[in-house]
Amino acid sequence: MASRENSILNRIDWVTIALYLACVVIGWLNIYAAVYNPEQPISIFNFETNSGKQLVFAGFSVLLIIAILVIDYRFWETFAFYIYGFILLLLVGVLVLGADIKGSHSWFRIGPVGFQPAEVAKMATALAIAKYLSTPGTNLAKFKDQFTVAIFMLIPILLILLSRETGQTLVIVGLVLMLYREGLPGIYPSIIIVSATLLILALTVDTLTIAIVLAVIAGMVLFFMPRYERTRKTYVTIGLIYVGCLAVVWATDFFIHNVLAPHQRSRIEVLIDPNSHKRGAGWNVIQSKIAIGSGGVFGKGFLQGTQTKFDFVPEQSTDFIFCTVGEEHGFFGSLVVIGLLIALILRLIFLAERQRIKFARVYGYGVVSIFFFHFLVNIGMTIGLMPVIGIPLPFFSYGGSGLWSFTILLFIFLKLDSQRSLIMSRV
């Protein structure tokens, strides 16, 4: 029998668990508030409502947590590639056997229960990359290893895109943050930042104007460059960068107008001008901002919201759950929710940095990257700073697949972290 000091209950990080429980409970209360009807009040424990179902999902999460804590921590590293391969098979299977839900063909439907493989694909990809990068001899400074990691990310991204689930693909792209911590050359984040800037410009400024501005910038760089540095190689390099920037702008314009579906294109147009589709794609964002703004400093009070109660805000229990927080609990309530999620992310960064095994550290930063991306995009889209791409707020949004995937993602890392003291004692 394990000694008291070696018990998992004494080694697990209870600060993170406390933050997790706070998020789940507050999320559950807001799910109830989002669908509460004062004219037909229903108990929060009614299993026919979203709040009742979420309670069942939370109960099942407890079973998942117990299973993860019981399983030997070495299981996740040993079988990381097998888990990744199994999830890829599910992503392929959902293309054939999946059900269409809200324009997405990414769900398995078994009676009243739905399961979205894309949710756990993030966890599987993080495990596979952590396993690969922890292999002796791998180095992200080498192009071979960069290419291999890119393949690990691209395969699930392509499969998820085929199922018409755009939001989850962007979350996997967000794992680049993890790679940068593990030694990915700075040129890649620089390329991503420049490309993102050009993408935004391509949405708001015509191509000719951008081309002229880029030409002026290139000319100024050459003008202020010392004469001895103006070699043929320099001119070629600046010319290639200029052409590359124009290619990004042209590709963005072509992609938006010739590849994206109308509803996807409208979401991007709404990001630029929410009033461009007041009765269509812009409705969600406009009503979301009204709901949050109407909460003021202290909010209208629990169960007293009107914008969310009477369905002015679509998807108020899932993607737009933050609207309920803003309307009923105001600025201070919103700060509490944002503070909890930031505290959770910062705590995970602390835990990741103290790991003695590279696999655990890399996976820990994968968890951080996924949570941070969901947090940033979900809250950003409710206040009109991000496009509406339909990804949940971790532990707050309604849904079994989301809650379970975030729980599994988090507690695998907590299990790995719980072994840190034992590993240190054997070093």
Protein backbone atom coordinates (compact mmCIF):
# COMPACT_ATOMS: atom_id res chain seq x y z
CA MET A 1 0.00 0.00 0.00
CA ALA A 2 1.33 3.43 -0.89
CA SER A 3 2.55 5.54 2.00
CA ARG A 4 0.76 8.74 2.96
CA GLU A 5 3.57 10.82 1.44
CA ASN A 6 3.35 8.94 -1.85
CA SER A 7 -0.45 9.12 -2.07
CA ILE A 8 -1.72 10.77 -5.24
CA LEU A 9 -3.98 12.96 -3.07
CA ASN A 10 -0.92 14.46 -1.38
CA ARG A 11 1.05 14.99 -4.56
CA ILE A 12 -1.60 16.41 -6.89
CA ASP A 13 -1.81 20.19 -7.30
CA TRP A 14 -4.88 21.23 -5.34
CA VAL A 15 -4.59 24.88 -6.39
CA THR A 16 -5.29 23.89 -9.99
CA ILE A 17 -8.13 21.59 -8.90
CA ALA A 18 -9.68 24.44 -6.90
CA LEU A 19 -9.55 26.70 -9.97
CA TYR A 20 -11.03 23.90 -12.09
CA LEU A 21 -13.91 23.33 -9.65
CA ALA A 22 -14.62 27.06 -9.41
CA CYS A 23 -14.83 27.35 -13.20
CA VAL A 24 -17.10 24.29 -13.54
CA VAL A 25 -19.49 25.39 -10.78
CA ILE A 26 -19.72 29.01 -11.96
CA GLY A 27 -20.15 27.78 -15.52
CA TRP A 28 -22.96 25.45 -14.44
CA LEU A 29 -24.79 28.27 -12.64
CA ASN A 30 -24.51 30.52 -15.70
CA ILE A 31 -25.77 27.75 -18.00
CA TYR A 32 -28.85 27.56 -15.80
CA ALA A 33 -29.21 31.35 -15.85
CA ALA A 34 -28.88 31.47 -19.63
CA VAL A 35 -31.99 29.36 -20.22
CA TYR A 36 -33.97 30.28 -17.09
CA ASN A 37 -37.52 31.39 -17.82
CA PRO A 38 -39.09 33.42 -14.98
CA GLU A 39 -42.57 32.62 -16.30
CA GLN A 40 -41.92 28.87 -16.18
CA PRO A 41 -39.23 28.36 -13.52
CA ILE A 42 -37.58 24.95 -13.59
CA SER A 43 -35.23 23.43 -11.03
CA ILE A 44 -31.52 23.69 -11.74
CA PHE A 45 -31.38 19.92 -11.21
CA ASN A 46 -33.98 19.15 -13.89
CA PHE A 47 -32.22 16.68 -16.19
CA GLU A 48 -34.30 17.77 -19.19
CA THR A 49 -32.66 21.20 -19.14
CA ASN A 50 -29.14 22.20 -20.14
CA SER A 51 -28.18 22.80 -16.51
CA GLY A 52 -29.35 19.32 -15.49
CA LYS A 53 -27.54 17.70 -18.40
CA GLN A 54 -24.39 19.68 -17.60
CA LEU A 55 -24.55 18.32 -14.06
CA VAL A 56 -24.61 14.79 -15.50
CA PHE A 57 -21.66 15.66 -17.73
CA ALA A 58 -19.82 16.98 -14.65
CA GLY A 59 -20.57 13.77 -12.77
CA PHE A 60 -19.14 11.71 -15.61
CA SER A 61 -16.10 14.02 -15.58
CA VAL A 62 -15.44 12.87 -12.00
CA LEU A 63 -15.25 9.28 -13.27
CA LEU A 64 -12.82 10.38 -15.99
CA ILE A 65 -10.67 12.15 -13.39
CA ILE A 66 -10.55 9.05 -11.18
CA ALA A 67 -9.59 6.88 -14.15
CA ILE A 68 -6.81 9.26 -15.20
CA LEU A 69 -5.40 9.47 -11.67
CA VAL A 70 -5.44 5.68 -11.30
CA ILE A 71 -3.67 5.01 -14.61
CA ASP A 72 0.12 4.92 -14.43
CA TYR A 73 1.56 8.25 -15.61
CA ARG A 74 3.91 6.45 -18.03
CA PHE A 75 0.89 5.21 -19.99
CA TRP A 76 0.42 8.60 -21.68
CA GLU A 77 3.98 8.81 -22.97
CA THR A 78 4.19 5.14 -23.93
CA PHE A 79 0.94 5.14 -25.89
CA ALA A 80 0.94 8.76 -27.13
CA PHE A 81 1.32 7.79 -30.79
CA TYR A 82 -1.32 5.06 -30.49
CA ILE A 83 -3.79 7.52 -28.95
CA TYR A 84 -3.03 9.98 -31.74
CA GLY A 85 -3.59 7.29 -34.39
CA PHE A 86 -6.87 6.19 -32.79
CA ILE A 87 -8.21 9.75 -32.76
CA LEU A 88 -7.24 10.14 -36.42
CA LEU A 89 -9.31 7.04 -37.17
CA LEU A 90 -12.25 8.65 -35.35
CA LEU A 91 -11.78 11.83 -37.41
CA VAL A 92 -11.90 9.73 -40.58
CA GLY A 93 -14.87 7.77 -39.28
CA VAL A 94 -16.91 10.87 -38.49
CA LEU A 95 -16.62 11.93 -42.13
CA VAL A 96 -18.51 8.77 -43.09
CA LEU A 97 -20.72 8.06 -40.08
CA GLY A 98 -21.05 11.50 -38.52
CA ALA A 99 -24.20 13.56 -38.15
CA ASP A 100 -24.77 17.07 -39.48
CA ILE A 101 -25.20 19.51 -36.61
CA LYS A 102 -25.37 23.27 -37.29
CA GLY A 103 -23.54 22.96 -40.58
CA SER A 104 -20.78 20.77 -39.20
CA HIS A 105 -20.32 17.07 -40.04
CA SER A 106 -18.04 16.43 -37.05
CA TRP A 107 -20.33 14.67 -34.54
CA PHE A 108 -21.07 11.06 -33.69
CA ARG A 109 -24.65 10.84 -32.48
CA ILE A 110 -25.67 7.95 -30.22
CA GLY A 111 -29.26 8.52 -29.16
CA PRO A 112 -29.43 11.79 -27.21
CA VAL A 113 -25.65 11.87 -26.68
CA GLY A 114 -23.29 13.55 -29.12
CA PHE A 115 -19.50 13.19 -29.28
CA GLN A 116 -17.13 15.38 -31.30
CA PRO A 117 -13.73 13.74 -32.01
CA ALA A 118 -12.27 17.15 -32.91
CA GLU A 119 -12.47 18.08 -29.22
CA VAL A 120 -10.11 15.30 -28.12
CA ALA A 121 -7.94 15.67 -31.25
CA LYS A 122 -6.30 18.66 -29.54
CA MET A 123 -5.26 16.50 -26.60
CA ALA A 124 -4.04 13.67 -28.86
CA THR A 125 -2.00 16.08 -30.99
CA ALA A 126 -0.40 17.64 -27.91
CA LEU A 127 0.50 14.16 -26.60
CA ALA A 128 2.00 13.08 -29.94
CA ILE A 129 4.09 16.23 -30.31
CA ALA A 130 5.26 15.97 -26.69
CA LYS A 131 6.25 12.34 -27.28
CA TYR A 132 8.17 13.20 -30.45
CA LEU A 133 9.98 16.21 -28.99
CA SER A 134 11.00 14.22 -25.90
CA THR A 135 12.75 11.63 -28.10
CA PRO A 136 16.54 11.94 -27.72
CA GLY A 137 18.15 13.79 -30.60
CA THR A 138 15.14 15.87 -31.63
CA ASN A 139 15.73 19.59 -31.95
CA LEU A 140 13.30 22.16 -33.32
CA ALA A 141 16.26 24.07 -34.73
CA LYS A 142 16.49 21.29 -37.34
CA PHE A 143 14.23 21.52 -40.38
CA LYS A 144 13.57 17.75 -40.26
CA ASP A 145 12.05 17.99 -36.81
CA GLN A 146 10.13 21.15 -37.71
CA PHE A 147 8.64 19.36 -40.71
CA THR A 148 7.72 16.26 -38.67
CA VAL A 149 5.93 18.33 -36.02
CA ALA A 150 4.13 20.25 -38.78
CA ILE A 151 2.85 16.93 -40.16
CA PHE A 152 1.56 15.95 -36.71
CA MET A 153 -0.50 19.15 -36.74
CA LEU A 154 -1.54 19.21 -40.39
CA ILE A 155 -3.13 15.74 -40.53
CA PRO A 156 -5.82 16.41 -37.86
CA ILE A 157 -6.25 19.96 -39.19
CA LEU A 158 -7.09 18.69 -42.69
CA LEU A 159 -9.42 15.99 -41.37
CA ILE A 160 -11.25 18.47 -39.14
CA LEU A 161 -11.53 20.95 -42.01
CA LEU A 162 -13.13 18.22 -44.13
CA SER A 163 -15.78 17.86 -41.42
CA ARG A 164 -16.50 21.60 -41.71
CA GLU A 165 -15.37 22.40 -38.16
CA THR A 166 -13.14 25.44 -38.76
CA GLY A 167 -12.80 26.63 -35.16
CA GLN A 168 -11.10 23.51 -33.80
CA THR A 169 -8.45 23.62 -36.55
CA LEU A 170 -7.34 27.05 -35.38
CA VAL A 171 -6.94 25.71 -31.84
CA ILE A 172 -4.48 23.10 -33.10
CA VAL A 173 -2.60 25.84 -34.97
CA GLY A 174 -2.37 27.57 -31.57
CA LEU A 175 0.00 24.79 -30.44
CA VAL A 176 2.72 26.85 -32.14
CA LEU A 177 2.98 28.66 -28.79
CA MET A 178 4.13 25.38 -27.26
CA LEU A 179 6.68 24.87 -30.03
CA TYR A 180 8.13 28.34 -29.56
CA ARG A 181 8.81 27.51 -25.90
CA GLU A 182 10.62 24.34 -27.01
CA GLY A 183 13.06 26.08 -29.35
CA LEU A 184 11.19 26.83 -32.57
CA PRO A 185 13.26 29.52 -34.36
CA GLY A 186 11.94 33.04 -33.91
CA ILE A 187 11.50 33.48 -37.65
CA TYR A 188 8.31 31.39 -37.56
CA PRO A 189 6.44 33.50 -34.99
CA SER A 190 7.63 36.56 -36.92
CA ILE A 191 6.18 35.14 -40.14
CA ILE A 192 2.90 34.38 -38.35
CA ILE A 193 2.66 37.92 -36.94
CA VAL A 194 3.46 39.56 -40.29
CA SER A 195 1.03 37.24 -42.10
CA ALA A 196 -1.72 38.01 -39.59
CA THR A 197 -1.11 41.74 -40.04
CA LEU A 198 -1.26 41.42 -43.83
CA LEU A 199 -4.42 39.30 -43.53
CA ILE A 200 -6.14 42.03 -41.53
CA LEU A 201 -4.99 44.67 -44.02
CA ALA A 202 -6.25 42.53 -46.91
CA LEU A 203 -9.70 42.55 -45.30
CA THR A 204 -9.82 46.31 -44.84
CA VAL A 205 -7.65 47.88 -47.58
CA ASP A 206 -7.61 47.27 -51.35
CA THR A 207 -4.72 45.25 -52.80
CA LEU A 208 -3.26 48.10 -54.88
CA THR A 209 -2.93 50.38 -51.83
CA ILE A 210 -1.20 47.62 -49.87
CA ALA A 211 1.20 46.97 -52.76
CA ILE A 212 2.13 50.68 -52.92
CA VAL A 213 2.65 50.93 -49.15
CA LEU A 214 4.83 47.79 -49.13
CA ALA A 215 6.86 49.18 -52.05
CA VAL A 216 7.42 52.43 -50.14
CA ILE A 217 8.54 50.49 -47.05
CA ALA A 218 10.94 48.39 -49.13
CA GLY A 219 12.33 51.57 -50.73
CA MET A 220 12.86 53.20 -47.34
CA VAL A 221 14.69 50.12 -46.05
CA LEU A 222 17.06 50.27 -49.01
CA PHE A 223 17.47 54.05 -48.76
CA PHE A 224 18.56 53.99 -45.11
CA MET A 225 20.70 50.88 -45.56
CA PRO A 226 24.50 51.49 -45.66
CA ARG A 227 25.89 51.38 -49.21
CA TYR A 228 28.19 48.45 -48.47
CA GLU A 229 25.15 46.31 -47.51
CA ARG A 230 23.31 46.99 -50.79
CA THR A 231 24.50 43.85 -52.50
CA ARG A 232 22.71 41.84 -55.16
CA LYS A 233 21.75 39.31 -52.48
CA THR A 234 20.13 42.09 -50.42
CA TYR A 235 18.07 43.30 -53.37
CA VAL A 236 16.96 39.75 -54.14
CA THR A 237 16.04 39.10 -50.50
CA ILE A 238 13.97 42.29 -50.16
CA GLY A 239 12.36 41.56 -53.52
CA LEU A 240 11.38 38.05 -52.43
CA ILE A 241 9.96 39.36 -49.13
CA TYR A 242 7.94 41.95 -51.08
CA VAL A 243 6.58 39.32 -53.47
CA GLY A 244 5.85 36.99 -50.52
CA CYS A 245 3.85 39.71 -48.73
CA LEU A 246 1.85 40.43 -51.88
CA ALA A 247 1.24 36.69 -52.28
CA VAL A 248 -0.24 36.54 -48.77
CA VAL A 249 -2.51 39.50 -49.54
CA TRP A 250 -3.62 38.02 -52.88
CA ALA A 251 -4.12 34.53 -51.36
CA THR A 252 -6.24 36.03 -48.55
CA ASP A 253 -8.45 37.87 -51.02
CA PHE A 254 -8.78 34.78 -53.23
CA PHE A 255 -9.50 32.49 -50.26
CA ILE A 256 -12.22 34.74 -48.87
CA HIS A 257 -14.04 35.32 -52.14
CA ASN A 258 -13.54 31.97 -53.86
CA VAL A 259 -13.03 29.29 -51.20
CA LEU A 260 -14.99 30.21 -48.10
CA ALA A 261 -18.67 29.39 -47.94
CA PRO A 262 -21.04 32.39 -47.80
CA HIS A 263 -21.72 31.96 -44.07
CA GLN A 264 -18.00 31.80 -43.32
CA ARG A 265 -17.32 34.86 -45.46
CA SER A 266 -20.05 36.78 -43.69
CA ARG A 267 -18.43 36.07 -40.31
CA ILE A 268 -15.24 37.77 -41.48
CA GLU A 269 -17.18 40.71 -42.92
CA VAL A 270 -18.97 41.08 -39.59
CA LEU A 271 -15.61 41.28 -37.80
CA ILE A 272 -14.78 44.33 -39.92
CA ASP A 273 -18.25 45.87 -39.75
CA PRO A 274 -20.81 44.23 -37.40
CA ASN A 275 -23.57 46.30 -38.99
CA SER A 276 -22.95 44.73 -42.42
CA HIS A 277 -25.19 41.75 -41.57
CA LYS A 278 -27.51 43.05 -38.87
CA ARG A 279 -30.11 40.34 -39.41
CA GLY A 280 -27.64 37.63 -40.33
CA ALA A 281 -24.16 36.82 -39.09
CA GLY A 282 -23.83 40.21 -37.40
CA TRP A 283 -26.85 39.59 -35.17
CA ASN A 284 -24.92 37.41 -32.72
CA VAL A 285 -22.14 39.94 -32.19
CA ILE A 286 -24.44 42.96 -31.95
CA GLN A 287 -26.73 41.30 -29.40
CA SER A 288 -23.76 39.90 -27.51
CA LYS A 289 -22.25 43.36 -27.08
CA ILE A 290 -25.63 44.78 -26.06
CA ALA A 291 -26.06 42.03 -23.44
CA ILE A 292 -22.61 42.52 -21.93
CA GLY A 293 -22.91 46.31 -22.00
CA SER A 294 -26.32 46.24 -20.36
CA GLY A 295 -24.83 44.58 -17.28
CA GLY A 296 -23.02 47.76 -16.30
CA VAL A 297 -20.64 47.65 -13.35
CA PHE A 298 -22.43 45.24 -11.02
CA GLY A 299 -24.86 43.45 -13.38
CA LYS A 300 -28.60 42.92 -13.25
CA GLY A 301 -28.38 40.08 -10.74
CA PHE A 302 -28.48 36.29 -10.93
CA LEU A 303 -31.40 35.09 -13.10
CA GLN A 304 -32.34 38.71 -13.86
CA GLY A 305 -30.87 39.02 -17.35
CA THR A 306 -33.23 39.87 -20.19
CA GLN A 307 -31.10 39.79 -23.33
CA THR A 308 -30.09 36.18 -22.80
CA LYS A 309 -33.37 35.01 -21.26
CA PHE A 310 -35.48 35.90 -24.27
CA ASP A 311 -33.11 34.49 -26.90
CA PHE A 312 -31.81 37.82 -28.18
CA VAL A 313 -28.36 36.20 -28.02
CA PRO A 314 -28.20 32.89 -29.92
CA GLU A 315 -26.16 30.01 -28.43
CA GLN A 316 -26.14 31.73 -25.05
CA SER A 317 -25.43 28.46 -23.22
CA THR A 318 -22.50 27.44 -25.39
CA ASP A 319 -20.37 29.78 -27.49
CA PHE A 320 -21.84 32.97 -25.99
CA ILE A 321 -22.00 31.95 -22.33
CA PHE A 322 -19.83 34.96 -21.43
CA CYS A 323 -22.79 37.20 -22.37
CA THR A 324 -24.76 35.79 -19.46
CA VAL A 325 -21.84 36.52 -17.14
CA GLY A 326 -21.55 40.09 -18.39
CA GLU A 327 -25.26 40.85 -18.27
CA GLU A 328 -26.10 39.34 -14.89
CA HIS A 329 -22.86 40.00 -13.01
CA GLY A 330 -21.54 43.07 -14.80
CA PHE A 331 -17.99 44.30 -15.09
CA PHE A 332 -16.88 42.86 -11.74
CA GLY A 333 -18.42 39.46 -12.45
CA SER A 334 -16.70 39.38 -15.83
CA LEU A 335 -13.41 40.24 -14.14
CA VAL A 336 -13.86 37.30 -11.77
CA VAL A 337 -14.39 34.86 -14.65
CA ILE A 338 -11.50 36.28 -16.67
CA GLY A 339 -9.35 36.28 -13.52
CA LEU A 340 -10.11 32.61 -12.81
CA LEU A 341 -9.14 31.56 -16.33
CA ILE A 342 -5.98 33.67 -16.33
CA ALA A 343 -5.05 32.29 -12.90
CA LEU A 344 -5.54 28.75 -14.23
CA ILE A 345 -3.35 29.44 -17.28
CA LEU A 346 -0.61 31.06 -15.17
CA ARG A 347 -0.72 28.17 -12.71
CA LEU A 348 -0.30 25.69 -15.56
CA ILE A 349 2.69 27.64 -16.88
CA PHE A 350 4.23 27.43 -13.39
CA LEU A 351 3.60 23.68 -13.25
CA ALA A 352 4.99 23.16 -16.76
CA GLU A 353 8.21 25.02 -15.93
CA ARG A 354 8.93 22.87 -12.88
CA GLN A 355 8.75 19.55 -14.72
CA ARG A 356 11.85 17.36 -14.74
CA ILE A 357 10.71 15.24 -17.70
CA LYS A 358 10.62 16.91 -21.10
CA PHE A 359 7.50 15.02 -22.17
CA ALA A 360 5.56 16.44 -19.22
CA ARG A 361 6.83 19.98 -19.82
CA VAL A 362 6.02 19.96 -23.54
CA TYR A 363 2.57 18.51 -22.94
CA GLY A 364 1.98 21.04 -20.15
CA TYR A 365 2.66 23.90 -22.53
CA GLY A 366 0.34 22.23 -25.03
CA VAL A 367 -2.43 22.40 -22.42
CA VAL A 368 -1.58 26.07 -21.79
CA SER A 369 -1.70 26.85 -25.52
CA ILE A 370 -5.09 25.21 -25.98
CA PHE A 371 -6.68 26.86 -22.95
CA PHE A 372 -5.23 30.26 -23.85
CA PHE A 373 -6.50 30.08 -27.44
CA HIS A 374 -10.01 29.08 -26.36
CA PHE A 375 -10.07 31.81 -23.70
CA LEU A 376 -8.78 34.52 -26.06
CA VAL A 377 -10.99 33.70 -29.04
CA ASN A 378 -14.21 32.90 -27.18
CA ILE A 379 -14.26 36.08 -25.10
CA GLY A 380 -12.88 38.05 -28.05
CA MET A 381 -15.75 37.01 -30.31
CA THR A 382 -18.41 37.89 -27.73
CA ILE A 383 -17.12 41.48 -27.60
CA GLY A 384 -16.54 41.76 -31.36
CA LEU A 385 -12.74 41.55 -31.41
CA MET A 386 -12.56 38.06 -32.95
CA PRO A 387 -14.54 36.34 -35.71
CA VAL A 388 -17.36 34.06 -34.57
CA ILE A 389 -15.83 30.62 -35.13
CA GLY A 390 -17.78 28.62 -32.58
CA ILE A 391 -15.36 27.38 -29.94
CA PRO A 392 -16.40 27.00 -26.28
CA LEU A 393 -15.14 28.79 -23.20
CA PRO A 394 -13.28 26.13 -21.16
CA PHE A 395 -15.39 24.70 -18.29
CA PHE A 396 -18.06 27.38 -18.72
CA SER A 397 -19.81 26.54 -21.99
CA TYR A 398 -22.54 23.89 -22.08
CA GLY A 399 -21.66 20.53 -23.63
CA GLY A 400 -20.37 17.12 -22.68
CA SER A 401 -17.69 16.79 -25.35
CA GLY A 402 -16.18 20.14 -24.44
CA LEU A 403 -16.21 19.59 -20.67
CA TRP A 404 -14.84 16.06 -20.96
CA SER A 405 -12.08 16.98 -23.42
CA PHE A 406 -10.90 19.92 -21.28
CA THR A 407 -11.06 17.74 -18.15
CA ILE A 408 -9.04 14.94 -19.76
CA LEU A 409 -6.56 17.45 -21.18
CA LEU A 410 -6.03 19.07 -17.78
CA PHE A 411 -5.92 16.00 -15.54
CA ILE A 412 -3.47 14.08 -17.71
CA PHE A 413 -1.07 16.93 -17.04
CA LEU A 414 -1.91 17.00 -13.33
CA LYS A 415 -1.21 13.27 -13.20
CA LEU A 416 2.17 13.82 -14.87
CA ASP A 417 2.93 16.68 -12.49
CA SER A 418 1.98 14.58 -9.46
CA GLN A 419 4.89 12.25 -10.22
CA ARG A 420 7.44 15.07 -10.22
CA SER A 421 8.44 14.66 -6.57
CA LEU A 422 8.84 10.90 -6.96
CA ILE A 423 10.97 11.39 -10.08
CA MET A 424 13.13 13.97 -8.27
CA SER A 425 13.69 11.59 -5.38
CA ARG A 426 15.05 8.98 -7.81
CA VAL A 427 17.31 11.41 -9.66
